[in-house]
C-alpha atoms as a PDB file:
ATOM      1  CA  MET A   1      36.414-125.089  48.662  1.00  0.00           C
ATOM      2  CA  LEU A   2      35.030-122.542  46.459  1.00  0.00           C
ATOM      3  CA  VAL A   3      37.569-119.343  45.826  1.00  0.00           C
ATOM      4  CA  THR A   4      36.165-116.341  44.232  1.00  0.00           C
ATOM      5  CA  ASN A   5      38.303-113.597  42.690  1.00  0.00           C
ATOM      6  CA  LYS A   6      36.260-110.853  43.990  1.00  0.00           C
ATOM      7  CA  ALA A   7      38.088-107.465  44.314  1.00  0.00           C
ATOM      8  CA  THR A   8      38.069-105.795  47.667  1.00  0.00           C
ATOM      9  CA  PRO A   9      36.742-102.174  48.125  1.00  0.00           C
ATOM     10  CA  PHE A  10      40.241-100.991  48.763  1.00  0.00           C
ATOM     11  CA  MET A  11      41.343-102.301  45.455  1.00  0.00           C
ATOM     12  CA  GLU A  12      38.216-100.619  43.695  1.00  0.00           C
ATOM     13  CA  SER A  13      38.406 -97.145  45.361  1.00  0.00           C
ATOM     14  CA  GLU A  14      40.524 -94.332  43.665  1.00  0.00           C
ATOM     15  CA  PRO A  15      42.854 -92.241  45.613  1.00  0.00           C
ATOM     16  CA  ALA A  16      41.312 -89.065  46.803  1.00  0.00           C
ATOM     17  CA  LEU A  17      43.083 -85.768  46.155  1.00  0.00           C
ATOM     18  CA  SER A  18      44.891 -84.285  49.140  1.00  0.00           C
ATOM     19  CA  GLN A  19      44.223 -80.762  48.285  1.00  0.00           C
ATOM     20  CA  GLU A  20      41.196 -78.867  46.787  1.00  0.00           C
ATOM     21  CA  ILE A  21      41.611 -76.718  43.513  1.00  0.00           C
ATOM     22  CA  ASP A  22      41.705 -73.058  44.042  1.00  0.00           C
ATOM     23  CA  ILE A  23      37.843 -72.007  43.720  1.00  0.00           C
ATOM     24  CA  LEU A  24      38.453 -68.589  41.958  1.00  0.00           C
ATOM     25  CA  SER A  25      40.619 -70.556  39.244  1.00  0.00           C
ATOM     26  CA  LEU A  26      37.888 -73.052  38.864  1.00  0.00           C
ATOM     27  CA  ILE A  27      35.096 -70.367  38.470  1.00  0.00           C
ATOM     28  CA  THR A  28      37.383 -68.638  35.818  1.00  0.00           C
ATOM     29  CA  ALA A  29      37.687 -71.976  33.999  1.00  0.00           C
ATOM     30  CA  ARG A  30      33.947 -72.826  34.076  1.00  0.00           C
ATOM     31  CA  LEU A  31      32.788 -69.241  33.191  1.00  0.00           C
ATOM     32  CA  PRO A  32      32.122 -69.731  29.508  1.00  0.00           C
ATOM     33  CA  SER A  33      30.075 -72.779  30.165  1.00  0.00           C
ATOM     34  CA  LEU A  34      27.781 -71.292  32.892  1.00  0.00           C
ATOM     35  CA  ARG A  35      24.146 -69.921  32.059  1.00  0.00           C
ATOM     36  CA  ASP A  36      23.764 -66.188  32.036  1.00  0.00           C
ATOM     37  CA  ALA A  37      22.116 -65.996  35.455  1.00  0.00           C
ATOM     38  CA  GLU A  38      25.063 -68.066  36.907  1.00  0.00           C
ATOM     39  CA  LYS A  39      27.581 -65.785  35.293  1.00  0.00           C
ATOM     40  CA  LYS A  40      26.005 -62.851  37.372  1.00  0.00           C
ATOM     41  CA  VAL A  41      26.910 -64.827  40.602  1.00  0.00           C
ATOM     42  CA  ALA A  42      30.287 -65.239  39.157  1.00  0.00           C
ATOM     43  CA  GLY A  43      30.638 -61.697  38.452  1.00  0.00           C
ATOM     44  CA  LEU A  44      29.417 -60.681  41.907  1.00  0.00           C
ATOM     45  CA  ILE A  45      32.153 -62.893  43.517  1.00  0.00           C
ATOM     46  CA  PHE A  46      34.901 -61.272  41.422  1.00  0.00           C
ATOM     47  CA  ASP A  47      33.469 -57.777  42.223  1.00  0.00           C
ATOM     48  CA  ASP A  48      32.901 -58.307  46.117  1.00  0.00           C
ATOM     49  CA  ILE A  49      34.262 -61.740  47.284  1.00  0.00           C
ATOM     50  CA  ASP A  50      34.157 -60.646  50.893  1.00  0.00           C
ATOM     51  CA  PHE A  51      30.201 -60.201  50.386  1.00  0.00           C
ATOM     52  CA  VAL A  52      29.646 -63.547  48.793  1.00  0.00           C
ATOM     53  CA  ALA A  53      31.772 -65.214  51.598  1.00  0.00           C
ATOM     54  CA  GLU A  54      29.623 -63.960  54.365  1.00  0.00           C
ATOM     55  CA  ALA A  55      26.106 -63.459  52.865  1.00  0.00           C
ATOM     56  CA  SER A  56      23.201 -65.712  52.958  1.00  0.00           C
ATOM     57  CA  ILE A  57      21.842 -67.451  49.769  1.00  0.00           C
ATOM     58  CA  GLY A  58      18.983 -64.775  49.548  1.00  0.00           C
ATOM     59  CA  GLU A  59      21.327 -61.888  50.077  1.00  0.00           C
ATOM     60  CA  ILE A  60      23.561 -63.222  47.375  1.00  0.00           C
ATOM     61  CA  ALA A  61      20.624 -63.924  45.091  1.00  0.00           C
ATOM     62  CA  LYS A  62      19.203 -60.174  45.642  1.00  0.00           C
ATOM     63  CA  ARG A  63      22.521 -58.625  45.013  1.00  0.00           C
ATOM     64  CA  ALA A  64      23.095 -60.515  41.874  1.00  0.00           C
ATOM     65  CA  GLU A  65      19.514 -60.196  40.651  1.00  0.00           C
ATOM     66  CA  VAL A  66      19.024 -63.874  40.332  1.00  0.00           C
ATOM     67  CA  SER A  67      16.883 -66.517  42.258  1.00  0.00           C
ATOM     68  CA  ASP A  68      17.959 -68.407  45.215  1.00  0.00           C
ATOM     69  CA  ALA A  69      17.906 -71.596  42.901  1.00  0.00           C
ATOM     70  CA  THR A  70      20.369 -70.109  40.544  1.00  0.00           C
ATOM     71  CA  VAL A  71      22.942 -69.570  43.401  1.00  0.00           C
ATOM     72  CA  THR A  72      22.537 -73.040  44.296  1.00  0.00           C
ATOM     73  CA  ARG A  73      23.152 -74.284  40.609  1.00  0.00           C
ATOM     74  CA  PHE A  74      25.966 -72.018  40.450  1.00  0.00           C
ATOM     75  CA  ALA A  75      27.714 -73.694  43.319  1.00  0.00           C
ATOM     76  CA  ARG A  76      27.238 -77.066  42.040  1.00  0.00           C
ATOM     77  CA  ALA A  77      28.437 -75.923  38.562  1.00  0.00           C
ATOM     78  CA  VAL A  78      31.883 -75.072  40.100  1.00  0.00           C
ATOM     79  CA  GLU A  79      32.071 -78.407  41.843  1.00  0.00           C
ATOM     80  CA  CYS A  80      30.867 -77.330  45.205  1.00  0.00           C
ATOM     81  CA  ARG A  81      28.449 -79.445  47.283  1.00  0.00           C
ATOM     82  CA  ASN A  82      26.242 -76.563  48.199  1.00  0.00           C
ATOM     83  CA  VAL A  83      26.396 -72.651  48.766  1.00  0.00           C
ATOM     84  CA  ARG A  84      27.853 -73.294  52.209  1.00  0.00           C
ATOM     85  CA  ASP A  85      30.869 -75.315  50.678  1.00  0.00           C
ATOM     86  CA  LEU A  86      31.211 -72.354  48.109  1.00  0.00           C
ATOM     87  CA  LYS A  87      31.426 -69.776  50.747  1.00  0.00           C
ATOM     88  CA  THR A  88      33.920 -72.092  52.812  1.00  0.00           C
ATOM     89  CA  ARG A  89      36.249 -72.262  49.706  1.00  0.00           C
ATOM     90  CA  LEU A  90      36.043 -68.671  49.051  1.00  0.00           C
ATOM     91  CA  THR A  91      36.995 -67.874  52.559  1.00  0.00           C
ATOM     92  CA  ARG A  92      40.166 -70.046  52.125  1.00  0.00           C
ATOM     93  CA  ALA A  93      40.894 -68.045  49.012  1.00  0.00           C
ATOM     94  CA  LEU A  94      40.727 -64.940  50.937  1.00  0.00           C
ATOM     95  CA  ALA A  95      42.914 -66.501  53.689  1.00  0.00           C
ATOM     96  CA  ALA A  96      45.703 -66.974  51.291  1.00  0.00           C
ATOM     97  CA  GLY A  97      46.065 -63.170  50.950  1.00  0.00           C
ATOM     98  CA  ARG A  98      44.059 -60.374  49.598  1.00  0.00           C
ATOM     99  CA  ARG A  99      47.169 -59.459  47.327  1.00  0.00           C
ATOM    100  CA  PHE A 100      46.621 -62.590  45.277  1.00  0.00           C
ATOM    101  CA  ILE A 101      42.951 -61.551  44.436  1.00  0.00           C
ATOM    102  CA  GLN A 102      42.993 -57.586  44.304  1.00  0.00           C
ATOM    103  CA  GLU A 103      45.214 -55.669  41.835  1.00  0.00           C
ATOM    104  CA  ALA A 104      48.089 -53.844  43.353  1.00  0.00           C
ATOM    105  CA  SER A 105      48.744 -50.176  42.680  1.00  0.00           C
ATOM    106  CA  GLU A 106      50.727 -49.680  39.490  1.00  0.00           C
ATOM    107  CA  ASP A 107      52.737 -47.153  41.347  1.00  0.00           C
ATOM    108  CA  ASP A 108      54.733 -50.280  42.809  1.00  0.00           C
ATOM    109  CA  GLY A 109      56.288 -50.762  39.124  1.00  0.00           C
ATOM    110  CA  LEU A 110      59.941 -51.827  38.098  1.00  0.00           C
ATOM    111  CA  GLY A 111      61.840 -49.449  40.585  1.00  0.00           C
ATOM    112  CA  VAL A 112      60.220 -51.300  43.596  1.00  0.00           C
ATOM    113  CA  ILE A 113      62.615 -54.226  42.711  1.00  0.00           C
ATOM    114  CA  TYR A 114      65.629 -52.351  43.481  1.00  0.00           C
ATOM    115  CA  ASP A 115      63.987 -50.625  46.520  1.00  0.00           C
ATOM    116  CA  THR A 116      62.718 -53.908  48.042  1.00  0.00           C
ATOM    117  CA  ALA A 117      66.184 -55.497  47.510  1.00  0.00           C
ATOM    118  CA  ALA A 118      67.992 -52.713  49.275  1.00  0.00           C
ATOM    119  CA  GLN A 119      65.751 -52.690  52.171  1.00  0.00           C
ATOM    120  CA  THR A 120      65.625 -56.370  52.549  1.00  0.00           C
ATOM    121  CA  LEU A 121      69.489 -56.527  52.484  1.00  0.00           C
ATOM    122  CA  ALA A 122      69.528 -53.606  55.126  1.00  0.00           C
ATOM    123  CA  LEU A 123      66.974 -55.495  57.376  1.00  0.00           C
ATOM    124  CA  ASN A 124      68.968 -58.725  57.054  1.00  0.00           C
ATOM    125  CA  ARG A 125      72.433 -57.099  57.818  1.00  0.00           C
ATOM    126  CA  THR A 126      71.245 -56.051  61.233  1.00  0.00           C
ATOM    127  CA  LEU A 127      70.020 -59.578  61.974  1.00  0.00           C
ATOM    128  CA  MET A 128      73.226 -61.204  60.736  1.00  0.00           C
ATOM    129  CA  GLU A 129      75.403 -58.828  62.870  1.00  0.00           C
ATOM    130  CA  GLN A 130      73.840 -60.587  65.881  1.00  0.00           C
ATOM    131  CA  ALA A 131      74.089 -64.307  64.564  1.00  0.00           C
ATOM    132  CA  ASP A 132      76.778 -66.645  65.281  1.00  0.00           C
ATOM    133  CA  ILE A 133      78.639 -66.429  61.683  1.00  0.00           C
ATOM    134  CA  GLU A 134      81.984 -67.515  63.437  1.00  0.00           C
ATOM    135  CA  GLY A 135      80.244 -70.651  64.720  1.00  0.00           C
ATOM    136  CA  ALA A 136      78.704 -71.354  61.412  1.00  0.00           C
ATOM    137  CA  VAL A 137      81.917 -71.002  59.603  1.00  0.00           C
ATOM    138  CA  GLU A 138      83.727 -73.050  62.089  1.00  0.00           C
ATOM    139  CA  MET A 139      81.181 -75.987  61.738  1.00  0.00           C
ATOM    140  CA  LEU A 140      81.414 -75.752  57.901  1.00  0.00           C
ATOM    141  CA  ASP A 141      85.354 -75.769  58.002  1.00  0.00           C
ATOM    142  CA  SER A 142      85.414 -78.874  60.318  1.00  0.00           C
ATOM    143  CA  ALA A 143      83.003 -81.062  58.327  1.00  0.00           C
ATOM    144  CA  ARG A 144      84.031 -84.136  56.474  1.00  0.00           C
ATOM    145  CA  GLN A 145      81.460 -83.188  53.817  1.00  0.00           C
ATOM    146  CA  ILE A 146      78.771 -80.396  53.622  1.00  0.00           C
ATOM    147  CA  LEU A 147      75.461 -81.271  52.192  1.00  0.00           C
ATOM    148  CA  VAL A 148      73.152 -78.440  51.091  1.00  0.00           C
ATOM    149  CA  PHE A 149      69.249 -79.111  51.272  1.00  0.00           C
ATOM    150  CA  GLY A 150      66.653 -76.752  49.498  1.00  0.00           C
ATOM    151  CA  ALA A 151      63.138 -77.141  48.210  1.00  0.00           C
ATOM    152  CA  GLY A 152      61.092 -74.755  46.288  1.00  0.00           C
ATOM    153  CA  GLY A 153      62.346 -71.742  43.784  1.00  0.00           C
ATOM    154  CA  GLY A 154      64.611 -69.720  45.790  1.00  0.00           C
ATOM    155  CA  SER A 155      65.980 -72.403  48.133  1.00  0.00           C
ATOM    156  CA  THR A 156      66.712 -74.706  45.263  1.00  0.00           C
ATOM    157  CA  VAL A 157      68.779 -72.123  43.367  1.00  0.00           C
ATOM    158  CA  MET A 158      70.669 -71.078  46.637  1.00  0.00           C
ATOM    159  CA  ALA A 159      71.493 -74.614  47.514  1.00  0.00           C
ATOM    160  CA  GLN A 160      73.318 -74.921  44.061  1.00  0.00           C
ATOM    161  CA  GLU A 161      74.699 -71.456  44.649  1.00  0.00           C
ATOM    162  CA  MET A 162      76.342 -72.452  47.748  1.00  0.00           C
ATOM    163  CA  GLN A 163      77.779 -75.532  46.256  1.00  0.00           C
ATOM    164  CA  PHE A 164      79.261 -73.356  43.588  1.00  0.00           C
ATOM    165  CA  ARG A 165      80.897 -70.870  45.977  1.00  0.00           C
ATOM    166  CA  LEU A 166      82.370 -73.532  48.365  1.00  0.00           C
ATOM    167  CA  VAL A 167      83.520 -76.009  45.780  1.00  0.00           C
ATOM    168  CA  ARG A 168      85.986 -73.526  44.363  1.00  0.00           C
ATOM    169  CA  LEU A 169      87.487 -73.260  47.919  1.00  0.00           C
ATOM    170  CA  GLY A 170      88.304 -77.019  48.028  1.00  0.00           C
ATOM    171  CA  TYR A 171      85.400 -78.162  50.358  1.00  0.00           C
ATOM    172  CA  ALA A 172      83.663 -81.556  49.669  1.00  0.00           C
ATOM    173  CA  ILE A 173      79.955 -80.095  49.222  1.00  0.00           C
ATOM    174  CA  SER A 174      76.868 -81.358  47.200  1.00  0.00           C
ATOM    175  CA  ALA A 175      73.563 -79.734  46.539  1.00  0.00           C
ATOM    176  CA  TYR A 176      70.254 -81.849  46.917  1.00  0.00           C
ATOM    177  CA  PRO A 177      67.421 -79.545  45.901  1.00  0.00           C
ATOM    178  CA  GLN A 178      64.730 -82.309  45.212  1.00  0.00           C
ATOM    179  CA  SER A 179      62.107 -83.256  47.838  1.00  0.00           C
ATOM    180  CA  LEU A 180      62.911 -87.013  48.431  1.00  0.00           C
ATOM    181  CA  LEU A 181      66.700 -86.902  47.871  1.00  0.00           C
ATOM    182  CA  PRO A 182      67.437 -84.866  50.966  1.00  0.00           C
ATOM    183  CA  ARG A 183      65.702 -87.666  53.206  1.00  0.00           C
ATOM    184  CA  MET A 184      67.635 -90.402  51.523  1.00  0.00           C
ATOM    185  CA  VAL A 185      70.926 -88.689  52.002  1.00  0.00           C
ATOM    186  CA  ALA A 186      70.290 -87.711  55.572  1.00  0.00           C
ATOM    187  CA  SER A 187      69.874 -91.390  56.434  1.00  0.00           C
ATOM    188  CA  THR A 188      73.656 -92.136  55.358  1.00  0.00           C
ATOM    189  CA  LEU A 189      75.284 -89.322  57.354  1.00  0.00           C
ATOM    190  CA  GLU A 190      78.023 -89.426  59.997  1.00  0.00           C
ATOM    191  CA  PRO A 191      78.623 -87.328  63.023  1.00  0.00           C
ATOM    192  CA  ASN A 192      81.266 -85.316  61.231  1.00  0.00           C
ATOM    193  CA  ASP A 193      78.965 -84.407  58.447  1.00  0.00           C
ATOM    194  CA  VAL A 194      77.126 -80.978  58.158  1.00  0.00           C
ATOM    195  CA  VAL A 195      73.809 -80.385  56.621  1.00  0.00           C
ATOM    196  CA  VAL A 196      73.106 -76.719  55.532  1.00  0.00           C
ATOM    197  CA  ALA A 197      69.151 -76.526  55.499  1.00  0.00           C
ATOM    198  CA  LEU A 198      67.629 -73.659  53.452  1.00  0.00           C
ATOM    199  CA  SER A 199      64.032 -72.412  53.703  1.00  0.00           C
ATOM    200  CA  VAL A 200      62.854 -68.856  53.798  1.00  0.00           C
ATOM    201  CA  SER A 201      59.764 -69.779  55.848  1.00  0.00           C
ATOM    202  CA  GLY A 202      61.186 -72.681  57.982  1.00  0.00           C
ATOM    203  CA  TYR A 203      57.980 -74.773  57.503  1.00  0.00           C
ATOM    204  CA  THR A 204      58.760 -76.667  54.501  1.00  0.00           C
ATOM    205  CA  PRO A 205      58.077 -80.482  55.692  1.00  0.00           C
ATOM    206  CA  GLU A 206      60.778 -82.072  53.310  1.00  0.00           C
ATOM    207  CA  ILE A 207      63.531 -79.872  54.704  1.00  0.00           C
ATOM    208  CA  ASN A 208      62.456 -79.984  58.308  1.00  0.00           C
ATOM    209  CA  GLU A 209      62.015 -83.726  58.122  1.00  0.00           C
ATOM    210  CA  ALA A 210      65.415 -84.303  56.479  1.00  0.00           C
ATOM    211  CA  ALA A 211      67.172 -82.151  58.894  1.00  0.00           C
ATOM    212  CA  GLU A 212      65.563 -83.999  61.963  1.00  0.00           C
ATOM    213  CA  LEU A 213      66.778 -87.215  60.471  1.00  0.00           C
ATOM    214  CA  ALA A 214      70.276 -85.925  59.884  1.00  0.00           C
ATOM    215  CA  ARG A 215      70.553 -85.004  63.579  1.00  0.00           C
ATOM    216  CA  GLU A 216      69.099 -88.432  64.643  1.00  0.00           C
ATOM    217  CA  TYR A 217      72.302 -89.987  62.705  1.00  0.00           C
ATOM    218  CA  GLY A 218      74.585 -87.489  64.603  1.00  0.00           C
ATOM    219  CA  ALA A 219      75.333 -85.056  61.700  1.00  0.00           C
ATOM    220  CA  ARG A 220      75.316 -81.339  62.741  1.00  0.00           C
ATOM    221  CA  VAL A 221      72.630 -78.918  61.132  1.00  0.00           C
ATOM    222  CA  LEU A 222      73.145 -75.260  59.930  1.00  0.00           C
ATOM    223  CA  ALA A 223      70.090 -73.550  58.994  1.00  0.00           C
ATOM    224  CA  ILE A 224      69.242 -70.366  56.988  1.00  0.00           C
ATOM    225  CA  THR A 225      65.876 -69.571  57.713  1.00  0.00           C
ATOM    226  CA  ALA A 226      63.186 -67.472  59.544  1.00  0.00           C
ATOM    227  CA  VAL A 227      63.745 -66.410  63.125  1.00  0.00           C
ATOM    228  CA  GLY A 228      61.904 -68.778  65.541  1.00  0.00           C
ATOM    229  CA  SER A 229      60.701 -71.307  62.570  1.00  0.00           C
ATOM    230  CA  PRO A 230      60.412 -74.998  63.181  1.00  0.00           C
ATOM    231  CA  LEU A 231      63.578 -75.479  61.082  1.00  0.00           C
ATOM    232  CA  ALA A 232      65.491 -72.779  63.293  1.00  0.00           C
ATOM    233  CA  ARG A 233      64.506 -74.883  66.409  1.00  0.00           C
ATOM    234  CA  ILE A 234      65.847 -78.160  64.610  1.00  0.00           C
ATOM    235  CA  ALA A 235      69.385 -76.613  63.679  1.00  0.00           C
ATOM    236  CA  ASP A 236      72.432 -76.590  65.849  1.00  0.00           C
ATOM    237  CA  ILE A 237      72.934 -73.170  64.560  1.00  0.00           C
ATOM    238  CA  SER A 238      70.523 -70.924  62.662  1.00  0.00           C
ATOM    239  CA  LEU A 239      71.240 -67.801  60.770  1.00  0.00           C
ATOM    240  CA  PRO A 240      68.176 -65.610  60.694  1.00  0.00           C
ATOM    241  CA  LEU A 241      66.354 -64.491  57.551  1.00  0.00           C
ATOM    242  CA  ALA A 242      63.604 -61.899  57.607  1.00  0.00           C
ATOM    243  CA  ALA A 243      61.513 -61.556  54.372  1.00  0.00           C
ATOM    244  CA  ARG A 244      60.037 -58.222  53.331  1.00  0.00           C
ATOM    245  CA  GLU A 245      56.986 -59.172  51.090  1.00  0.00           C
ATOM    246  CA  THR A 246      54.780 -56.471  49.475  1.00  0.00           C
ATOM    247  CA  ASP A 247      51.342 -56.417  48.034  1.00  0.00           C
ATOM    248  CA  TYR A 248      52.985 -56.264  44.512  1.00  0.00           C
ATOM    249  CA  ILE A 249      53.100 -59.814  43.913  1.00  0.00           C
ATOM    250  CA  TYR A 250      54.348 -59.735  40.335  1.00  0.00           C
ATOM    251  CA  PHE A 251      58.170 -59.832  40.892  1.00  0.00           C
ATOM    252  CA  PRO A 252      59.818 -62.835  42.674  1.00  0.00           C
ATOM    253  CA  SER A 253      60.420 -62.898  46.277  1.00  0.00           C
ATOM    254  CA  SER A 254      63.162 -60.400  47.721  1.00  0.00           C
ATOM    255  CA  SER A 255      63.987 -62.900  50.323  1.00  0.00           C
ATOM    256  CA  ARG A 256      66.319 -64.779  47.951  1.00  0.00           C
ATOM    257  CA  TYR A 257      68.706 -61.694  48.126  1.00  0.00           C
ATOM    258  CA  ALA A 258      68.948 -61.968  51.922  1.00  0.00           C
ATOM    259  CA  MET A 259      69.720 -65.821  51.399  1.00  0.00           C
ATOM    260  CA  MET A 260      72.305 -65.249  48.919  1.00  0.00           C
ATOM    261  CA  ALA A 261      73.952 -62.616  51.181  1.00  0.00           C
ATOM    262  CA  ALA A 262      74.051 -65.217  53.979  1.00  0.00           C
ATOM    263  CA  VAL A 263      75.772 -67.680  51.531  1.00  0.00           C
ATOM    264  CA  ASP A 264      78.301 -65.367  50.429  1.00  0.00           C
ATOM    265  CA  MET A 265      79.183 -64.444  54.164  1.00  0.00           C
ATOM    266  CA  LEU A 266      79.866 -68.127  54.845  1.00  0.00           C
ATOM    267  CA  ALA A 267      81.889 -68.475  51.699  1.00  0.00           C
ATOM    268  CA  LEU A 268      83.789 -65.239  52.590  1.00  0.00           C
ATOM    269  CA  GLY A 269      84.529 -66.575  56.120  1.00  0.00           C
ATOM    270  CA  LEU A 270      85.749 -69.786  54.857  1.00  0.00           C
ATOM    271  CA  ALA A 271      87.950 -68.177  52.406  1.00  0.00           C
ATOM    272  CA  LEU A 272      89.623 -65.943  54.776  1.00  0.00           C
ATOM    273  CA  ARG A 273      90.315 -68.863  57.350  1.00  0.00           C
ATOM    274  CA  HIS A 274      92.673 -70.251  54.643  1.00  0.00           C
ATOM    275  CA  ARG A 275      94.010 -67.471  52.679  1.00  0.00           C
ATOM    276  CA  MET A 276      96.779 -69.061  51.034  1.00  0.00           C
ATOM    277  CA  ARG A 277      94.956 -72.280  50.019  1.00  0.00           C
ATOM    278  CA  THR A 278      92.288 -70.024  48.676  1.00  0.00           C
ATOM    279  CA  ARG A 279      94.513 -67.978  46.604  1.00  0.00           C
ATOM    280  CA  ASP A 280      95.946 -71.323  45.234  1.00  0.00           C
ATOM    281  CA  LYS A 281      92.533 -72.737  44.290  1.00  0.00           C
ATOM    282  CA  LEU A 282      91.277 -69.475  42.988  1.00  0.00           C
ATOM    283  CA  ARG A 283      94.300 -69.053  40.778  1.00  0.00           C
ATOM    284  CA  ARG A 284      94.433 -72.329  39.293  1.00  0.00           C
ATOM    285  CA  LEU A 285      90.527 -71.961  38.488  1.00  0.00           C
ATOM    286  CA  LYS A 286      91.412 -68.487  36.908  1.00  0.00           C
ATOM    287  CA  ILE A 287      94.115 -70.076  34.662  1.00  0.00           C
ATOM    288  CA  THR A 288      91.836 -72.839  33.725  1.00  0.00           C
ATOM    289  CA  LEU A 289      88.910 -70.433  32.852  1.00  0.00           C
ATOM    290  CA  ASP A 290      91.172 -68.161  30.817  1.00  0.00           C
ATOM    291  CA  ALA A 291      92.702 -70.964  28.725  1.00  0.00           C
ATOM    292  CA  HIS A 292      89.047 -71.934  28.028  1.00  0.00           C
ATOM    293  CA  ARG A 293      87.296 -68.684  27.133  1.00  0.00           C
ATOM    294  CA  GLY A 294      89.905 -65.896  26.827  1.00  0.00           C
ATOM    295  CA  GLY A 295      89.091 -62.288  27.736  1.00  0.00           C
ATOM    296  CA  ASP A 296      90.885 -59.848  30.215  1.00  0.00           C
ATOM    297  CA  ASN A 297      92.094 -60.778  33.662  1.00  0.00           C
ATOM    298  CA  ARG A 298      89.121 -59.277  35.334  1.00  0.00           C
ATOM    299  CA  GLN A 299      86.717 -61.921  34.194  1.00  0.00           C
ATOM    300  CA  PRO A 300      84.609 -63.341  37.160  1.00  0.00           C
ATOM    301  CA  LEU A 301      85.689 -66.723  38.327  1.00  0.00           C
ATOM    302  CA  GLY A 302      82.951 -69.073  36.996  1.00  0.00           C
ATOM    303  CA  ASP A 303      80.171 -66.859  37.644  1.00  0.00           C
END
């Protein structure tokens, strides 16, 4: 019997990218290598992306003062199959939000950081006054262990922040800010464990799937997330967040102020439940830190 060592098509094929590169970034990168006529098409896109996304090849060519063939060559030069594919990808770029394409007013300068933070906190205070804070505190207080899941910039930092707040009060708490680790940990949980799932949007697949898995194994889930989001529907208790995002994209999202305030509310609620134990823990922490770093008696407790 003759046996050949012939590779299968599956083994020969390369894995496909799951997401296309942003077309505007690609045009910018390719700009130096484009012909002069093709650069006119690129310039038209940056000047009036709405027009190019809707116009015909002839209309684009006329407005850019080039030939129809140049428009087609430009599309291929920026890795599009044809002009229709180029227009489709430009439409996707627009869908991400016009504030990521057009420059915001400079009137929204440094002072807006403080204004937006104050407005975000005021808005979320109103929401939190209607939330089940006491139920959330009771859930955490009765847990065998607390596990905090977060992914991305703000939620990752806040997961670690919550660990820092509650470990000082004597709670068994761990933060898992990686994408795969929450799923792994969720599969080991017991009914008397509590997961705190952090997500400003409530749509992050890694966090939502880990929260669902934790519930399947009997653990309870407390979410700090957007009202009515998929994560809010998964959780046993959800503390609501409302993000106030402006067109000025150059400073970080103000939603993290609201998430930090929610974490602080939970930490305060837990501390007040066990005042004597809290004082003992914090005093011991203060003595340890003073012996290590010195300073007056108003130094922060590990912050």
